[in-house]
């Protein structure tokens, strides 16, 4: 996959995005309450780049992705795609813009219509957007199936006749049908076996190199994210707490929540896994309907407890501040990033993970092979 963002203007710009859902009225003051699923998220993605969104379940990753694709309307904020504000254009123009941004969903079986043939599934975007004649659409489907490593006769079969990895290849072919610039993949391999995951990730990498695709990939697997992304945005309770180049984040994290996530990553060495000391976050994730004041992570922060619970964490929300003079090392939303860097907890976590998370982005350990069609 491509290396780092280009100097050209970003393909995708998300500015102060908020997505709030009504949650009735509070019993005491009778005022309307909201679930603040996404609350002030900003990031950019350059052409050919892969941005990873990571965090616990419920942190707002999928809601952010759906808002980017305009499957949800933002409560506030702007989403600019190739310089165009998607909230300010007519519906017809938005329809044209959607050809250039496509999703890949988590569960390939649930996202494919079981009553339609693979040809009909893959051709559906072409039909909706009135692209080509029936013959041209059939030719395009055959081309797409070959591109994702499926034989031409797969077109006449139904999704249930394929394995999970093969169904995800079908979903990828559908996403590629309109020749998009941006693909948003929500946990694209989490429902697959480990050996199949590598093949699908290799396929996504090959497609990016061949067609110049830009990816936003949502994932829980930190090792996977390190392999396939250029930059990583760590989300917690609807906001981004750290946004860094991938290797900078894994080697020099500057937010205590990121350190806790890395501490929870499994290690293939059984002895080292049993001997390591993990960072265990206390308490539950606060409700997005009533997020804490100040830093949204301060109620569970191991560093704050270590520093004697400084009041600033509970009163002042830390901005996403650039790290270093040039800002090329990314940004973190913490009042005490230097204390994170010097903590024994971070050093123990990095020592335990040394050599355990794989190499740099772009590693291809499992070759992409044409899968067999299962009966």
Protein backbone atom coordinates (compact mmCIF):
# COMPACT_ATOMS: atom_id res chain seq x y z
CA UNK A 1 0.00 0.00 0.00
CA UNK A 2 1.06 3.58 -0.51
CA UNK A 3 3.44 5.36 1.85
CA UNK A 4 2.07 8.37 3.68
CA UNK A 5 -0.06 11.31 2.64
CA UNK A 6 0.72 13.37 -0.43
CA UNK A 7 1.28 17.12 -0.53
CA UNK A 8 -1.89 17.62 -2.60
CA UNK A 9 -5.16 18.67 -0.93
CA UNK A 10 -6.80 15.80 0.98
CA UNK A 11 -9.44 13.69 -0.71
CA UNK A 12 -11.53 13.58 2.48
CA UNK A 13 -11.81 16.27 5.15
CA UNK A 14 -13.93 15.82 8.26
CA UNK A 15 -14.32 18.99 10.34
CA UNK A 16 -15.76 19.00 13.88
CA UNK A 17 -18.20 16.20 13.06
CA UNK A 18 -21.02 15.55 15.51
CA UNK A 19 -23.69 12.87 15.23
CA UNK A 20 -26.19 12.97 18.09
CA UNK A 21 -29.26 10.77 18.42
CA UNK A 22 -32.35 11.85 20.40
CA UNK A 23 -32.76 9.88 23.63
CA UNK A 24 -35.99 11.28 25.08
CA UNK A 25 -36.12 13.79 27.91
CA UNK A 26 -34.40 13.73 31.26
CA UNK A 27 -36.78 13.00 34.18
CA UNK A 28 -35.50 15.80 36.41
CA UNK A 29 -35.28 18.93 34.27
CA UNK A 30 -37.47 17.75 31.40
CA UNK A 31 -34.93 18.78 28.81
CA UNK A 32 -34.14 16.81 25.70
CA UNK A 33 -31.24 14.36 25.95
CA UNK A 34 -28.98 13.06 23.19
CA UNK A 35 -26.70 10.10 22.63
CA UNK A 36 -23.48 11.82 21.53
CA UNK A 37 -22.21 8.98 19.35
CA UNK A 38 -19.70 11.22 17.57
CA UNK A 39 -18.77 14.45 19.28
CA UNK A 40 -16.29 16.78 17.60
CA UNK A 41 -14.25 14.51 15.28
CA UNK A 42 -11.83 16.04 12.74
CA UNK A 43 -9.38 14.32 10.39
CA UNK A 44 -8.18 14.26 6.79
CA UNK A 45 -7.37 11.43 4.39
CA UNK A 46 -5.13 12.00 1.37
CA UNK A 47 -5.35 10.21 -1.96
CA UNK A 48 -3.83 6.75 -1.88
CA UNK A 49 -3.63 6.79 1.92
CA UNK A 50 -5.10 4.31 4.39
CA UNK A 51 -6.46 5.69 7.65
CA UNK A 52 -7.36 3.29 10.46
CA UNK A 53 -10.07 3.99 13.05
CA UNK A 54 -9.60 1.99 16.26
CA UNK A 55 -11.16 1.92 19.71
CA UNK A 56 -13.52 -0.01 21.94
CA UNK A 57 -16.97 -1.04 20.79
CA UNK A 58 -19.35 1.90 21.03
CA UNK A 59 -16.67 4.58 20.66
CA UNK A 60 -18.24 5.97 17.45
CA UNK A 61 -16.11 4.40 14.71
CA UNK A 62 -18.97 2.98 12.64
CA UNK A 63 -21.14 6.08 13.14
CA UNK A 64 -18.26 8.20 11.85
CA UNK A 65 -17.92 5.94 8.81
CA UNK A 66 -21.64 6.08 8.05
CA UNK A 67 -21.63 9.86 8.32
CA UNK A 68 -18.65 10.07 5.94
CA UNK A 69 -20.63 8.03 3.40
CA UNK A 70 -23.72 10.19 4.04
CA UNK A 71 -25.67 7.18 5.24
CA UNK A 72 -26.28 9.32 8.33
CA UNK A 73 -26.82 13.07 8.41
CA UNK A 74 -24.40 14.90 10.73
CA UNK A 75 -25.84 16.94 13.57
CA UNK A 76 -23.01 19.45 13.14
CA UNK A 77 -19.76 19.76 11.25
CA UNK A 78 -18.67 19.42 7.64
CA UNK A 79 -17.62 16.54 5.43
CA UNK A 80 -15.70 17.59 2.34
CA UNK A 81 -15.00 15.07 -0.39
CA UNK A 82 -12.53 16.26 -3.00
CA UNK A 83 -13.21 19.81 -1.81
CA UNK A 84 -17.02 19.51 -2.05
CA UNK A 85 -19.14 19.95 1.09
CA UNK A 86 -21.48 16.95 1.00
CA UNK A 87 -24.02 18.67 3.24
CA UNK A 88 -24.37 21.67 0.95
CA UNK A 89 -24.96 20.05 -2.45
CA UNK A 90 -28.28 19.07 -4.07
CA UNK A 91 -29.46 15.48 -3.80
CA UNK A 92 -28.74 14.81 -7.49
CA UNK A 93 -25.13 15.96 -7.10
CA UNK A 94 -24.78 13.91 -3.92
CA UNK A 95 -25.93 10.86 -5.89
CA UNK A 96 -23.13 11.45 -8.39
CA UNK A 97 -20.58 11.91 -5.62
CA UNK A 98 -21.61 8.61 -4.05
CA UNK A 99 -20.27 6.76 -7.07
CA UNK A 100 -16.83 7.78 -5.85
CA UNK A 101 -17.21 6.47 -2.28
CA UNK A 102 -18.29 2.93 -1.47
CA UNK A 103 -18.59 0.76 1.67
CA UNK A 104 -17.43 -2.74 2.53
CA UNK A 105 -19.37 -4.12 5.48
CA UNK A 106 -18.29 -6.41 8.30
CA UNK A 107 -20.42 -9.48 7.62
CA UNK A 108 -20.27 -10.49 3.94
CA UNK A 109 -23.20 -12.89 4.30
CA UNK A 110 -25.52 -10.29 5.84
CA UNK A 111 -24.55 -7.62 3.29
CA UNK A 112 -25.31 -9.77 0.22
CA UNK A 113 -28.88 -10.43 -0.91
CA UNK A 114 -29.26 -14.25 -0.67
CA UNK A 115 -32.05 -14.27 -3.29
CA UNK A 116 -29.96 -12.72 -6.04
CA UNK A 117 -27.15 -14.21 -8.08
CA UNK A 118 -23.62 -12.92 -7.71
CA UNK A 119 -23.95 -11.23 -11.10
CA UNK A 120 -27.03 -9.33 -9.93
CA UNK A 121 -25.36 -8.40 -6.60
CA UNK A 122 -22.19 -7.06 -8.19
CA UNK A 123 -24.08 -5.29 -10.99
CA UNK A 124 -26.53 -3.59 -8.62
CA UNK A 125 -24.51 -0.33 -8.25
CA UNK A 126 -24.26 -0.15 -12.06
CA UNK A 127 -28.01 -0.56 -12.39
CA UNK A 128 -28.81 2.01 -9.68
CA UNK A 129 -26.51 4.60 -11.24
CA UNK A 130 -27.54 3.67 -14.80
CA UNK A 131 -24.06 2.75 -15.95
CA UNK A 132 -23.80 0.91 -19.28
CA UNK A 133 -26.08 -1.45 -21.15
CA UNK A 134 -27.01 -4.93 -19.91
CA UNK A 135 -24.19 -6.45 -21.99
CA UNK A 136 -21.68 -3.92 -20.73
CA UNK A 137 -22.72 -4.60 -17.14
CA UNK A 138 -22.25 -8.36 -17.64
CA UNK A 139 -18.78 -7.73 -19.04
CA UNK A 140 -17.96 -5.44 -16.12
CA UNK A 141 -19.09 -8.10 -13.62
CA UNK A 142 -16.86 -10.71 -15.28
CA UNK A 143 -13.95 -8.28 -15.13
CA UNK A 144 -14.57 -7.54 -11.44
CA UNK A 145 -14.84 -11.21 -10.48
CA UNK A 146 -11.51 -11.90 -12.15
CA UNK A 147 -9.98 -8.89 -10.38
CA UNK A 148 -10.95 -10.21 -6.92
CA UNK A 149 -9.84 -13.77 -7.71
CA UNK A 150 -13.14 -15.50 -8.51
CA UNK A 151 -13.85 -17.53 -11.70
CA UNK A 152 -16.42 -16.32 -14.25
CA UNK A 153 -18.91 -19.10 -13.44
CA UNK A 154 -19.29 -17.63 -9.95
CA UNK A 155 -21.62 -15.06 -11.53
CA UNK A 156 -24.49 -17.54 -11.91
CA UNK A 157 -24.38 -18.81 -8.33
CA UNK A 158 -25.88 -17.47 -5.11
CA UNK A 159 -24.04 -16.12 -2.04
CA UNK A 160 -24.84 -19.16 0.11
CA UNK A 161 -22.72 -21.33 -2.22
CA UNK A 162 -19.52 -19.54 -1.19
CA UNK A 163 -17.26 -19.50 1.85
CA UNK A 164 -16.93 -16.42 4.04
CA UNK A 165 -13.76 -15.26 2.33
CA UNK A 166 -15.28 -15.73 -1.10
CA UNK A 167 -18.37 -13.76 -0.08
CA UNK A 168 -16.15 -10.92 1.07
CA UNK A 169 -14.46 -10.99 -2.34
CA UNK A 170 -17.92 -10.60 -3.87
CA UNK A 171 -18.59 -7.62 -1.58
CA UNK A 172 -15.27 -6.08 -2.63
CA UNK A 173 -16.16 -6.59 -6.30
CA UNK A 174 -19.47 -4.80 -5.69
CA UNK A 175 -17.67 -1.91 -3.98
CA UNK A 176 -15.31 -1.64 -6.96
CA UNK A 177 -18.07 -1.68 -9.59
CA UNK A 178 -18.33 2.12 -9.98
CA UNK A 179 -14.56 2.66 -9.90
CA UNK A 180 -14.59 4.62 -6.60
CA UNK A 181 -11.85 6.80 -5.20
CA UNK A 182 -12.65 6.09 -1.53
CA UNK A 183 -13.61 2.82 0.15
CA UNK A 184 -14.76 2.75 3.77
CA UNK A 185 -14.31 -0.76 5.17
CA UNK A 186 -16.00 -1.50 8.49
CA UNK A 187 -14.25 -4.48 10.12
CA UNK A 188 -13.77 -6.11 6.68
CA UNK A 189 -12.05 -9.28 7.96
CA UNK A 190 -13.28 -9.69 11.54
CA UNK A 191 -15.85 -12.34 10.53
CA UNK A 192 -13.23 -14.43 8.67
CA UNK A 193 -10.76 -17.15 9.66
CA UNK A 194 -7.22 -15.97 10.37
CA UNK A 195 -5.71 -17.52 7.22
CA UNK A 196 -8.43 -15.99 5.04
CA UNK A 197 -7.95 -12.57 6.64
CA UNK A 198 -4.42 -12.34 5.25
CA UNK A 199 -5.63 -13.13 1.73
CA UNK A 200 -8.36 -10.47 1.87
CA UNK A 201 -5.96 -7.88 3.24
CA UNK A 202 -3.48 -8.71 0.50
CA UNK A 203 -6.25 -8.31 -2.05
CA UNK A 204 -7.19 -4.88 -0.67
CA UNK A 205 -3.53 -3.87 -0.84
CA UNK A 206 -3.20 -5.04 -4.44
CA UNK A 207 -6.35 -3.16 -5.44
CA UNK A 208 -5.07 0.00 -3.79
CA UNK A 209 -1.80 -0.19 -5.69
CA UNK A 210 -3.46 -0.97 -9.02
CA UNK A 211 -6.33 1.52 -8.88
CA UNK A 212 -5.00 4.23 -6.55
CA UNK A 213 -7.70 3.66 -3.95
CA UNK A 214 -8.01 5.53 -0.67
CA UNK A 215 -9.16 3.57 2.37
CA UNK A 216 -10.72 4.27 5.75
CA UNK A 217 -10.53 0.98 7.65
CA UNK A 218 -12.28 0.33 10.96
CA UNK A 219 -10.81 -2.46 13.04
CA UNK A 220 -10.32 -3.81 16.56
CA UNK A 221 -7.25 -5.90 15.74
CA UNK A 222 -4.26 -3.69 16.52
CA UNK A 223 -1.81 -5.98 14.72
CA UNK A 224 -3.96 -5.81 11.59
CA UNK A 225 -4.16 -2.03 11.76
CA UNK A 226 -0.38 -1.77 11.99
CA UNK A 227 0.04 -3.89 8.86
CA UNK A 228 -2.34 -2.04 6.54
CA UNK A 229 -2.55 1.64 7.55
CA UNK A 230 -0.52 4.80 7.03
CA UNK A 231 -2.08 6.66 9.96
CA UNK A 232 -4.28 5.65 12.89
CA UNK A 233 -7.01 7.61 14.69
CA UNK A 234 -7.75 6.27 18.17
CA UNK A 235 -11.34 6.98 19.25
CA UNK A 236 -12.82 7.02 22.74
CA UNK A 237 -16.39 7.96 23.67
CA UNK A 238 -17.15 9.74 20.40
CA UNK A 239 -13.90 11.66 20.02
CA UNK A 240 -10.38 11.20 18.67
CA UNK A 241 -7.80 11.06 21.45
CA UNK A 242 -4.75 10.35 19.28
CA UNK A 243 -4.07 10.68 15.54
CA UNK A 244 -0.60 9.58 14.48
CA UNK A 245 1.42 7.99 11.68
CA UNK A 246 1.11 4.26 12.27
CA UNK A 247 4.64 3.46 13.34
CA UNK A 248 4.83 6.57 15.52
CA UNK A 249 1.69 5.49 17.34
CA UNK A 250 2.91 1.93 17.92
CA UNK A 251 6.42 2.92 18.95
CA UNK A 252 5.76 6.20 20.79
CA UNK A 253 2.09 6.52 21.85
CA UNK A 254 1.25 9.73 23.69
CA UNK A 255 -2.22 9.10 25.12
CA UNK A 256 -2.89 6.81 28.11
CA UNK A 257 -5.87 5.22 26.37
CA UNK A 258 -3.67 4.22 23.41
CA UNK A 259 -1.17 2.67 25.81
CA UNK A 260 -4.02 0.72 27.45
CA UNK A 261 -5.16 -0.58 24.06
CA UNK A 262 -1.64 -1.69 23.18
CA UNK A 263 -1.32 -3.31 26.59
CA UNK A 264 -4.38 -5.44 25.85
CA UNK A 265 -3.03 -6.71 22.51
CA UNK A 266 -2.27 -10.47 22.64
CA UNK A 267 1.30 -11.76 22.29
CA UNK A 268 2.01 -15.04 20.42
CA UNK A 269 4.69 -16.03 22.98
CA UNK A 270 2.78 -17.95 25.68
CA UNK A 271 5.39 -17.44 28.40
CA UNK A 272 5.68 -13.72 27.71
CA UNK A 273 1.88 -13.42 27.58
CA UNK A 274 1.52 -14.98 31.02
CA UNK A 275 4.36 -12.97 32.55
CA UNK A 276 3.39 -9.54 31.24
CA UNK A 277 1.62 -6.90 33.32
CA UNK A 278 -1.41 -5.42 31.62
CA UNK A 279 -2.99 -2.03 32.18
CA UNK A 280 -6.48 -2.77 33.50
CA UNK A 281 -8.87 0.16 33.12
CA UNK A 282 -11.16 0.61 36.09
CA UNK A 283 -14.89 1.17 35.81
CA UNK A 284 -17.16 1.13 32.80
CA UNK A 285 -17.14 3.30 29.71
CA UNK A 286 -19.27 6.37 30.54
CA UNK A 287 -22.59 6.82 28.78
CA UNK A 288 -22.42 8.90 25.58
CA UNK A 289 -25.69 10.46 26.75
CA UNK A 290 -23.86 11.94 29.74
CA UNK A 291 -20.12 12.11 28.97
CA UNK A 292 -17.76 13.30 31.70
CA UNK A 293 -16.53 16.88 31.83
CA UNK A 294 -12.96 17.72 30.95
CA UNK A 295 -11.01 14.90 29.34
CA UNK A 296 -13.50 12.24 28.31
CA UNK A 297 -11.08 9.51 29.46
CA UNK A 298 -10.23 10.93 32.91
CA UNK A 299 -12.68 8.71 34.85
CA UNK A 300 -10.73 5.58 33.82
CA UNK A 301 -7.27 7.03 33.22
CA UNK A 302 -4.41 5.10 34.83
CA UNK A 303 -2.01 8.02 34.32
CA UNK A 304 -4.27 10.50 36.12
CA UNK A 305 -4.44 8.15 39.11
CA UNK A 306 -0.65 7.81 39.05
CA UNK A 307 -0.24 11.62 38.98
CA UNK A 308 -2.55 12.13 41.96
CA UNK A 309 -5.75 12.94 40.03
CA UNK A 310 -4.93 16.48 38.81
CA UNK A 311 -8.02 18.66 38.63
CA UNK A 312 -7.29 19.92 35.10
CA UNK A 313 -8.21 16.49 33.68
CA UNK A 314 -11.72 16.75 35.11
CA UNK A 315 -12.37 20.37 34.17
CA UNK A 316 -10.61 21.23 30.88
CA UNK A 317 -11.08 19.20 27.68
CA UNK A 318 -7.59 18.73 26.19
CA UNK A 319 -7.36 19.75 22.51
CA UNK A 320 -5.85 17.48 19.88
CA UNK A 321 -2.38 19.05 20.10
CA UNK A 322 0.39 18.45 17.53
CA UNK A 323 3.37 16.45 18.79
CA UNK A 324 6.75 17.94 18.05
CA UNK A 325 7.55 21.27 16.42
CA UNK A 326 6.61 20.30 12.85
CA UNK A 327 3.46 18.36 13.75
CA UNK A 328 4.43 15.53 11.39
CA UNK A 329 4.41 13.10 14.33
CA UNK A 330 0.65 13.53 14.68
CA UNK A 331 -1.39 14.80 17.62
CA UNK A 332 -2.76 13.66 20.96
CA UNK A 333 -5.50 14.98 23.25
CA UNK A 334 -3.83 14.68 26.65
CA UNK A 335 -2.74 17.26 29.24
CA UNK A 336 0.32 15.14 30.11
CA UNK A 337 1.75 13.56 26.92
CA UNK A 338 5.33 13.77 28.21
CA UNK A 339 4.36 11.86 31.35
CA UNK A 340 2.84 9.17 29.12
CA UNK A 341 6.13 8.95 27.18
CA UNK A 342 8.16 8.56 30.36
CA UNK A 343 5.88 6.14 32.19
CA UNK A 344 7.04 2.69 33.25
CA UNK A 345 3.67 1.35 32.04
CA UNK A 346 4.46 2.44 28.48
CA UNK A 347 7.97 0.99 28.59
CA UNK A 348 6.70 -2.36 29.86
CA UNK A 349 3.98 -2.44 27.19
CA UNK A 350 6.42 -1.66 24.36
CA UNK A 351 8.92 -4.19 25.65
CA UNK A 352 6.24 -6.89 25.75
CA UNK A 353 5.10 -6.06 22.21
CA UNK A 354 8.59 -5.90 20.65
CA UNK A 355 8.56 -8.15 17.62
CA UNK A 356 5.03 -9.36 18.37
CA UNK A 357 2.99 -7.04 16.17
CA UNK A 358 4.59 -7.85 12.83
CA UNK A 359 6.47 -5.60 10.49
CA UNK A 360 5.68 -2.35 8.83
CA UNK A 361 2.70 -1.61 6.68
CA UNK A 362 2.58 -3.48 3.40
CA UNK A 363 3.88 -6.86 4.54
CA UNK A 364 2.55 -9.67 2.39
CA UNK A 365 3.18 -12.95 4.17
CA UNK A 366 0.29 -14.87 2.60
CA UNK A 367 0.00 -14.80 -1.20
CA UNK A 368 -3.34 -14.13 -2.83
CA UNK A 369 -4.52 -17.31 -4.47
CA UNK A 370 -7.60 -18.13 -6.50
CA UNK A 371 -9.96 -19.77 -4.00
CA UNK A 372 -11.88 -22.91 -4.77
CA UNK A 373 -15.64 -22.55 -5.18
CA UNK A 374 -17.26 -24.55 -2.41
CA UNK A 375 -20.30 -26.69 -2.92
